[in-house]
C-alpha atoms as a PDB file:
ATOM      1  CA  VAL A   1     145.138 121.968 138.596  1.00  0.00           C
ATOM      2  CA  LEU A   2     142.505 123.111 141.068  1.00  0.00           C
ATOM      3  CA  HIS A   3     139.451 125.310 140.627  1.00  0.00           C
ATOM      4  CA  ARG A   4     139.745 126.886 144.044  1.00  0.00           C
ATOM      5  CA  LEU A   5     142.373 128.995 145.762  1.00  0.00           C
ATOM      6  CA  PRO A   6     144.759 127.744 148.474  1.00  0.00           C
ATOM      7  CA  LEU A   7     143.471 129.585 151.525  1.00  0.00           C
ATOM      8  CA  SER A   8     145.343 127.918 154.393  1.00  0.00           C
ATOM      9  CA  ARG A   9     148.965 127.329 155.353  1.00  0.00           C
ATOM     10  CA  ASP A  10     148.475 123.579 154.953  1.00  0.00           C
ATOM     11  CA  GLU A  11     147.620 124.047 151.273  1.00  0.00           C
ATOM     12  CA  LEU A  12     150.643 126.272 150.636  1.00  0.00           C
ATOM     13  CA  ASP A  13     153.398 123.671 150.938  1.00  0.00           C
ATOM     14  CA  VAL A  14     154.390 124.391 147.328  1.00  0.00           C
ATOM     15  CA  GLY A  15     157.042 126.373 145.459  1.00  0.00           C
ATOM     16  CA  ILE A  16     154.720 128.547 143.389  1.00  0.00           C
ATOM     17  CA  VAL A  17     151.016 129.328 143.088  1.00  0.00           C
ATOM     18  CA  VAL A  18     149.702 130.173 139.608  1.00  0.00           C
ATOM     19  CA  ILE A  19     146.281 131.846 139.502  1.00  0.00           C
ATOM     20  CA  ASN A  20     145.251 131.466 135.873  1.00  0.00           C
ATOM     21  CA  ASN A  21     142.070 133.401 135.045  1.00  0.00           C
ATOM     22  CA  LEU A  22     140.287 132.167 138.187  1.00  0.00           C
ATOM     23  CA  SER A  23     138.046 134.887 139.597  1.00  0.00           C
ATOM     24  CA  LEU A  24     137.247 135.161 143.287  1.00  0.00           C
ATOM     25  CA  SER A  25     133.592 134.372 142.603  1.00  0.00           C
ATOM     26  CA  GLN A  26     134.498 131.248 140.588  1.00  0.00           C
ATOM     27  CA  ALA A  27     136.755 130.123 143.415  1.00  0.00           C
ATOM     28  CA  GLY A  28     134.020 130.708 145.987  1.00  0.00           C
ATOM     29  CA  ALA A  29     136.281 132.963 148.032  1.00  0.00           C
ATOM     30  CA  THR A  30     136.194 136.449 149.504  1.00  0.00           C
ATOM     31  CA  GLN A  31     138.956 139.042 149.660  1.00  0.00           C
ATOM     32  CA  ALA A  32     139.324 138.557 153.425  1.00  0.00           C
ATOM     33  CA  GLN A  33     140.089 134.856 152.874  1.00  0.00           C
ATOM     34  CA  LEU A  34     143.139 135.773 150.774  1.00  0.00           C
ATOM     35  CA  LYS A  35     145.198 136.916 153.770  1.00  0.00           C
ATOM     36  CA  PRO A  36     146.950 133.541 154.386  1.00  0.00           C
ATOM     37  CA  LEU A  37     147.980 133.468 150.722  1.00  0.00           C
ATOM     38  CA  ALA A  38     149.213 137.071 150.918  1.00  0.00           C
ATOM     39  CA  ASP A  39     151.159 136.287 154.101  1.00  0.00           C
ATOM     40  CA  TRP A  40     152.744 133.310 152.364  1.00  0.00           C
ATOM     41  CA  VAL A  41     153.850 135.518 149.461  1.00  0.00           C
ATOM     42  CA  SER A  42     155.204 138.145 151.884  1.00  0.00           C
ATOM     43  CA  GLY A  43     157.219 135.403 153.546  1.00  0.00           C
ATOM     44  CA  GLY A  44     158.908 134.388 150.300  1.00  0.00           C
ATOM     45  CA  GLY A  45     156.293 132.375 148.421  1.00  0.00           C
ATOM     46  CA  ASN A  46     156.045 132.798 144.646  1.00  0.00           C
ATOM     47  CA  LEU A  47     152.804 133.977 143.051  1.00  0.00           C
ATOM     48  CA  LEU A  48     152.034 134.301 139.348  1.00  0.00           C
ATOM     49  CA  MET A  49     148.707 135.762 138.219  1.00  0.00           C
ATOM     50  CA  ALA A  50     147.618 135.566 134.589  1.00  0.00           C
ATOM     51  CA  GLY A  51     144.411 135.960 132.632  1.00  0.00           C
ATOM     52  CA  THR A  52     141.851 138.501 131.502  1.00  0.00           C
ATOM     53  CA  ASP A  53     138.253 138.550 132.735  1.00  0.00           C
ATOM     54  CA  GLY A  54     139.002 136.192 135.643  1.00  0.00           C
ATOM     55  CA  ALA A  55     142.156 137.918 136.904  1.00  0.00           C
ATOM     56  CA  PHE A  56     143.295 141.194 138.434  1.00  0.00           C
ATOM     57  CA  GLY A  57     140.508 143.793 138.737  1.00  0.00           C
ATOM     58  CA  PRO A  58     137.879 142.012 136.619  1.00  0.00           C
ATOM     59  CA  GLY A  59     138.449 138.864 138.689  1.00  0.00           C
ATOM     60  CA  GLY A  60     137.597 140.675 141.925  1.00  0.00           C
ATOM     61  CA  TYR A  61     141.156 141.038 143.265  1.00  0.00           C
ATOM     62  CA  ARG A  62     141.287 144.835 143.258  1.00  0.00           C
ATOM     63  CA  GLY A  63     141.729 146.135 146.794  1.00  0.00           C
ATOM     64  CA  SER A  64     142.559 142.636 148.073  1.00  0.00           C
ATOM     65  CA  PRO A  65     145.633 141.721 150.160  1.00  0.00           C
ATOM     66  CA  LEU A  66     147.228 140.336 146.971  1.00  0.00           C
ATOM     67  CA  GLU A  67     147.127 143.603 145.032  1.00  0.00           C
ATOM     68  CA  THR A  68     149.639 145.369 147.275  1.00  0.00           C
ATOM     69  CA  LEU A  69     152.123 142.529 146.655  1.00  0.00           C
ATOM     70  CA  MET A  70     151.918 142.637 142.872  1.00  0.00           C
ATOM     71  CA  PRO A  71     153.978 144.891 140.549  1.00  0.00           C
ATOM     72  CA  VAL A  72     150.877 146.357 138.867  1.00  0.00           C
ATOM     73  CA  ARG A  73     147.665 147.985 139.993  1.00  0.00           C
ATOM     74  CA  PHE A  74     144.736 145.762 139.177  1.00  0.00           C
ATOM     75  CA  ARG A  75     142.576 148.581 137.856  1.00  0.00           C
ATOM     76  CA  PRO A  76     143.384 152.292 137.527  1.00  0.00           C
ATOM     77  CA  ASP A  77     141.739 154.508 140.124  1.00  0.00           C
ATOM     78  CA  ASP A  78     140.230 156.653 137.385  1.00  0.00           C
ATOM     79  CA  SER A  79     138.506 153.741 135.644  1.00  0.00           C
ATOM     80  CA  PRO A  80     134.767 154.350 135.359  1.00  0.00           C
ATOM     81  CA  PRO A  81     132.625 152.328 137.782  1.00  0.00           C
ATOM     82  CA  ARG A  82     130.901 149.249 136.478  1.00  0.00           C
ATOM     83  CA  GLN A  83     127.234 148.325 136.690  1.00  0.00           C
ATOM     84  CA  LEU A  84     126.514 144.710 137.551  1.00  0.00           C
ATOM     85  CA  LEU A  85     123.072 143.090 137.618  1.00  0.00           C
ATOM     86  CA  LEU A  86     122.825 139.929 139.731  1.00  0.00           C
ATOM     87  CA  LEU A  87     119.984 138.107 137.965  1.00  0.00           C
ATOM     88  CA  LEU A  88     118.935 135.259 140.246  1.00  0.00           C
ATOM     89  CA  ASP A  89     116.612 132.343 139.500  1.00  0.00           C
ATOM     90  CA  VAL A  90     113.820 132.317 142.088  1.00  0.00           C
ATOM     91  CA  SER A  91     111.515 129.787 140.455  1.00  0.00           C
ATOM     92  CA  SER A  92     109.956 127.019 142.560  1.00  0.00           C
ATOM     93  CA  SER A  93     112.712 124.519 141.709  1.00  0.00           C
ATOM     94  CA  MET A  94     115.101 126.612 143.817  1.00  0.00           C
ATOM     95  CA  ASN A  95     113.265 125.288 146.885  1.00  0.00           C
ATOM     96  CA  ASP A  96     114.700 121.823 146.129  1.00  0.00           C
ATOM     97  CA  PRO A  97     117.129 120.404 148.713  1.00  0.00           C
ATOM     98  CA  VAL A  98     120.826 120.020 147.916  1.00  0.00           C
ATOM     99  CA  PRO A  99     123.373 117.464 149.156  1.00  0.00           C
ATOM    100  CA  GLY A 100     124.826 118.483 152.485  1.00  0.00           C
ATOM    101  CA  GLY A 101     121.669 120.217 153.657  1.00  0.00           C
ATOM    102  CA  GLY A 102     119.809 123.373 152.813  1.00  0.00           C
ATOM    103  CA  THR A 103     118.160 124.337 149.544  1.00  0.00           C
ATOM    104  CA  LYS A 104     119.191 125.662 146.164  1.00  0.00           C
ATOM    105  CA  LEU A 105     117.780 129.037 147.224  1.00  0.00           C
ATOM    106  CA  ALA A 106     120.030 129.182 150.286  1.00  0.00           C
ATOM    107  CA  ARG A 107     123.076 128.380 148.151  1.00  0.00           C
ATOM    108  CA  LEU A 108     121.946 130.984 145.627  1.00  0.00           C
ATOM    109  CA  LYS A 109     121.937 133.651 148.332  1.00  0.00           C
ATOM    110  CA  GLU A 110     125.435 132.615 149.401  1.00  0.00           C
ATOM    111  CA  ALA A 111     126.636 132.920 145.804  1.00  0.00           C
ATOM    112  CA  ALA A 112     125.045 136.349 145.403  1.00  0.00           C
ATOM    113  CA  ARG A 113     126.844 137.600 148.506  1.00  0.00           C
ATOM    114  CA  LEU A 114     130.146 136.298 147.129  1.00  0.00           C
ATOM    115  CA  GLY A 115     129.408 138.220 143.950  1.00  0.00           C
ATOM    116  CA  LEU A 116     128.914 141.399 145.958  1.00  0.00           C
ATOM    117  CA  ALA A 117     132.192 140.835 147.790  1.00  0.00           C
ATOM    118  CA  SER A 118     134.126 140.564 144.526  1.00  0.00           C
ATOM    119  CA  VAL A 119     133.300 143.982 143.012  1.00  0.00           C
ATOM    120  CA  GLY A 120     134.838 147.387 143.667  1.00  0.00           C
ATOM    121  CA  GLU A 121     133.466 149.842 146.212  1.00  0.00           C
ATOM    122  CA  ASP A 122     132.590 152.368 143.511  1.00  0.00           C
ATOM    123  CA  ASP A 123     130.817 149.833 141.317  1.00  0.00           C
ATOM    124  CA  ARG A 124     127.031 149.818 141.264  1.00  0.00           C
ATOM    125  CA  VAL A 125     125.091 146.605 141.721  1.00  0.00           C
ATOM    126  CA  ALA A 126     121.445 145.617 141.362  1.00  0.00           C
ATOM    127  CA  VAL A 127     119.876 142.433 142.716  1.00  0.00           C
ATOM    128  CA  ALA A 128     116.862 141.008 140.866  1.00  0.00           C
ATOM    129  CA  GLY A 129     115.098 137.685 141.088  1.00  0.00           C
ATOM    130  CA  PHE A 130     113.477 136.209 137.994  1.00  0.00           C
ATOM    131  CA  ARG A 131     110.959 133.498 137.185  1.00  0.00           C
ATOM    132  CA  GLU A 132     108.215 134.256 134.597  1.00  0.00           C
ATOM    133  CA  GLY A 133     110.040 137.592 134.304  1.00  0.00           C
ATOM    134  CA  VAL A 134     112.217 139.922 136.342  1.00  0.00           C
ATOM    135  CA  ARG A 135     110.686 140.555 139.753  1.00  0.00           C
ATOM    136  CA  GLY A 136     110.328 144.136 140.947  1.00  0.00           C
ATOM    137  CA  GLU A 137     112.322 147.252 140.078  1.00  0.00           C
ATOM    138  CA  VAL A 138     115.953 146.947 139.026  1.00  0.00           C
ATOM    139  CA  LYS A 139     117.794 149.607 141.006  1.00  0.00           C
ATOM    140  CA  PHE A 140     121.575 150.015 140.907  1.00  0.00           C
ATOM    141  CA  LEU A 141     123.213 150.894 144.240  1.00  0.00           C
ATOM    142  CA  ARG A 142     126.800 151.231 145.404  1.00  0.00           C
ATOM    143  CA  SER A 143     128.189 147.773 146.066  1.00  0.00           C
ATOM    144  CA  THR A 144     128.621 148.596 149.767  1.00  0.00           C
ATOM    145  CA  ASP A 145     124.965 149.590 150.234  1.00  0.00           C
ATOM    146  CA  GLU A 146     123.383 147.426 152.939  1.00  0.00           C
ATOM    147  CA  ARG A 147     120.094 147.371 151.038  1.00  0.00           C
ATOM    148  CA  LEU A 148     121.629 144.949 148.548  1.00  0.00           C
ATOM    149  CA  ASP A 149     122.110 142.324 151.245  1.00  0.00           C
ATOM    150  CA  SER A 150     118.529 142.880 152.384  1.00  0.00           C
ATOM    151  CA  GLU A 151     117.293 142.305 148.833  1.00  0.00           C
ATOM    152  CA  ILE A 152     119.236 139.049 148.645  1.00  0.00           C
ATOM    153  CA  GLU A 153     117.868 137.860 151.981  1.00  0.00           C
ATOM    154  CA  GLY A 154     114.314 138.703 150.917  1.00  0.00           C
ATOM    155  CA  LEU A 155     114.340 136.441 147.847  1.00  0.00           C
ATOM    156  CA  SER A 156     111.737 133.673 147.838  1.00  0.00           C
ATOM    157  CA  ALA A 157     111.105 130.948 145.272  1.00  0.00           C
ATOM    158  CA  GLU A 158     107.892 130.081 143.414  1.00  0.00           C
ATOM    159  CA  GLY A 159     106.569 129.875 139.876  1.00  0.00           C
ATOM    160  CA  SER A 160     108.335 128.716 136.705  1.00  0.00           C
ATOM    161  CA  THR A 161     111.488 129.757 134.831  1.00  0.00           C
ATOM    162  CA  HIS A 162     111.302 131.936 131.705  1.00  0.00           C
ATOM    163  CA  ILE A 163     114.894 132.553 130.600  1.00  0.00           C
ATOM    164  CA  GLY A 164     114.212 134.448 127.361  1.00  0.00           C
ATOM    165  CA  SER A 165     111.675 136.916 128.712  1.00  0.00           C
ATOM    166  CA  SER A 166     113.749 137.555 131.824  1.00  0.00           C
ATOM    167  CA  LEU A 167     116.913 138.301 129.864  1.00  0.00           C
ATOM    168  CA  GLN A 168     115.039 140.655 127.564  1.00  0.00           C
ATOM    169  CA  GLN A 169     113.695 142.547 130.564  1.00  0.00           C
ATOM    170  CA  ALA A 170     117.113 142.638 132.211  1.00  0.00           C
ATOM    171  CA  LEU A 171     118.682 144.247 129.145  1.00  0.00           C
ATOM    172  CA  GLY A 172     116.254 147.138 129.489  1.00  0.00           C
ATOM    173  CA  ALA A 173     117.613 147.978 132.940  1.00  0.00           C
ATOM    174  CA  PHE A 174     120.817 149.547 131.594  1.00  0.00           C
ATOM    175  CA  ASN A 175     121.064 153.105 130.347  1.00  0.00           C
ATOM    176  CA  GLY A 176     124.236 153.088 128.288  1.00  0.00           C
ATOM    177  CA  GLY A 177     127.903 152.995 129.232  1.00  0.00           C
ATOM    178  CA  ASP A 178     130.687 150.594 128.347  1.00  0.00           C
ATOM    179  CA  HIS A 179     131.098 148.761 131.659  1.00  0.00           C
ATOM    180  CA  ASN A 180     127.852 146.868 132.175  1.00  0.00           C
ATOM    181  CA  GLY A 181     127.389 143.230 133.037  1.00  0.00           C
ATOM    182  CA  ILE A 182     124.809 140.623 134.002  1.00  0.00           C
ATOM    183  CA  LEU A 183     125.627 137.642 136.215  1.00  0.00           C
ATOM    184  CA  MET A 184     122.770 135.164 135.894  1.00  0.00           C
ATOM    185  CA  ILE A 185     122.589 132.196 138.276  1.00  0.00           C
ATOM    186  CA  THR A 186     120.050 129.492 137.433  1.00  0.00           C
ATOM    187  CA  ASP A 187     119.462 125.755 137.536  1.00  0.00           C
ATOM    188  CA  GLY A 188     118.536 126.148 133.878  1.00  0.00           C
ATOM    189  CA  ASP A 189     115.123 124.456 133.906  1.00  0.00           C
ATOM    190  CA  ASP A 190     113.533 126.823 131.377  1.00  0.00           C
ATOM    191  CA  VAL A 191     109.869 126.123 130.573  1.00  0.00           C
ATOM    192  CA  GLU A 192     109.284 129.082 128.270  1.00  0.00           C
ATOM    193  CA  ASN A 193     111.244 127.689 125.283  1.00  0.00           C
ATOM    194  CA  ALA A 194     111.538 131.092 123.660  1.00  0.00           C
ATOM    195  CA  GLY A 195     113.369 129.670 120.648  1.00  0.00           C
ATOM    196  CA  GLU A 196     116.637 130.208 118.824  1.00  0.00           C
ATOM    197  CA  ASN A 197     115.622 133.471 117.146  1.00  0.00           C
ATOM    198  CA  THR A 198     114.862 135.097 120.500  1.00  0.00           C
ATOM    199  CA  PHE A 199     118.231 134.104 121.942  1.00  0.00           C
ATOM    200  CA  ARG A 200     120.046 135.290 118.819  1.00  0.00           C
ATOM    201  CA  GLN A 201     118.330 138.671 119.240  1.00  0.00           C
ATOM    202  CA  ILE A 202     119.389 138.765 122.887  1.00  0.00           C
ATOM    203  CA  ALA A 203     122.981 137.928 121.922  1.00  0.00           C
ATOM    204  CA  GLN A 204     123.010 140.674 119.300  1.00  0.00           C
ATOM    205  CA  GLN A 205     121.640 143.224 121.773  1.00  0.00           C
ATOM    206  CA  LEU A 206     124.315 142.249 124.296  1.00  0.00           C
ATOM    207  CA  THR A 207     126.950 142.862 121.628  1.00  0.00           C
ATOM    208  CA  ASP A 208     125.467 146.123 120.383  1.00  0.00           C
ATOM    209  CA  GLU A 209     125.047 147.585 123.871  1.00  0.00           C
ATOM    210  CA  LYS A 210     128.379 146.221 125.173  1.00  0.00           C
ATOM    211  CA  ILE A 211     126.767 144.298 128.019  1.00  0.00           C
ATOM    212  CA  ARG A 212     128.679 141.279 129.252  1.00  0.00           C
ATOM    213  CA  LEU A 213     126.611 138.218 130.212  1.00  0.00           C
ATOM    214  CA  ASP A 214     127.997 135.506 132.504  1.00  0.00           C
ATOM    215  CA  ILE A 215     125.833 132.492 133.306  1.00  0.00           C
ATOM    216  CA  VAL A 216     126.334 130.142 136.253  1.00  0.00           C
ATOM    217  CA  GLN A 217     124.293 126.984 135.775  1.00  0.00           C
ATOM    218  CA  THR A 218     123.900 125.194 139.094  1.00  0.00           C
ATOM    219  CA  ALA A 219     122.764 121.835 137.701  1.00  0.00           C
ATOM    220  CA  GLU A 220     124.434 119.566 135.190  1.00  0.00           C
ATOM    221  CA  GLY A 221     123.072 118.903 131.699  1.00  0.00           C
ATOM    222  CA  GLU A 222     122.662 120.523 128.328  1.00  0.00           C
ATOM    223  CA  ARG A 223     119.959 123.155 127.950  1.00  0.00           C
ATOM    224  CA  ALA A 224     118.384 123.995 124.601  1.00  0.00           C
ATOM    225  CA  TRP A 225     118.350 127.702 125.405  1.00  0.00           C
END
């Protein structure tokens, strides 16, 4: 069992590949990198895809080379577009170096770009850094808008991390609809300590407003929040 996709011919010396609820973003892959796998399937390889939020359209496979090979469409063309907020930790700890070279901030930018590559063309995406709170205006743009990449590149790290306040602000960026989500990437070093009641209120608001929250924690360890 792997947590990445086989993306080369050397890795495809198998009888069947089962993709079980592994999204493109979780696998650290882009749609373009799926071509060797699609070619393998076209040549007689066996592919089974299963899952819910990490498979098919929600997993970022819509419009990919794999979709044309499968017996189902990954998401109907008339499905309403989604709104996704990339909420990115830009506190000073993101300037820390990481094994293999570079900094946490550089890896964060790479991850944000992978997130952009995994959504549909008609979906709308906003990029926002957070530290003591959300930085700047949250503006949703089509996922193909070049300004999103510019916003990612312009992120800089300083200050401290306030998870509770930032999430509360982020929730106010949505204006209704049933297809909204937040992808928060953080090393988790919260200094605000907003408390259990605050996070229960945030959880209830997420439920009431039908906003999905996914959190990628880039450092190991339990966090009270």
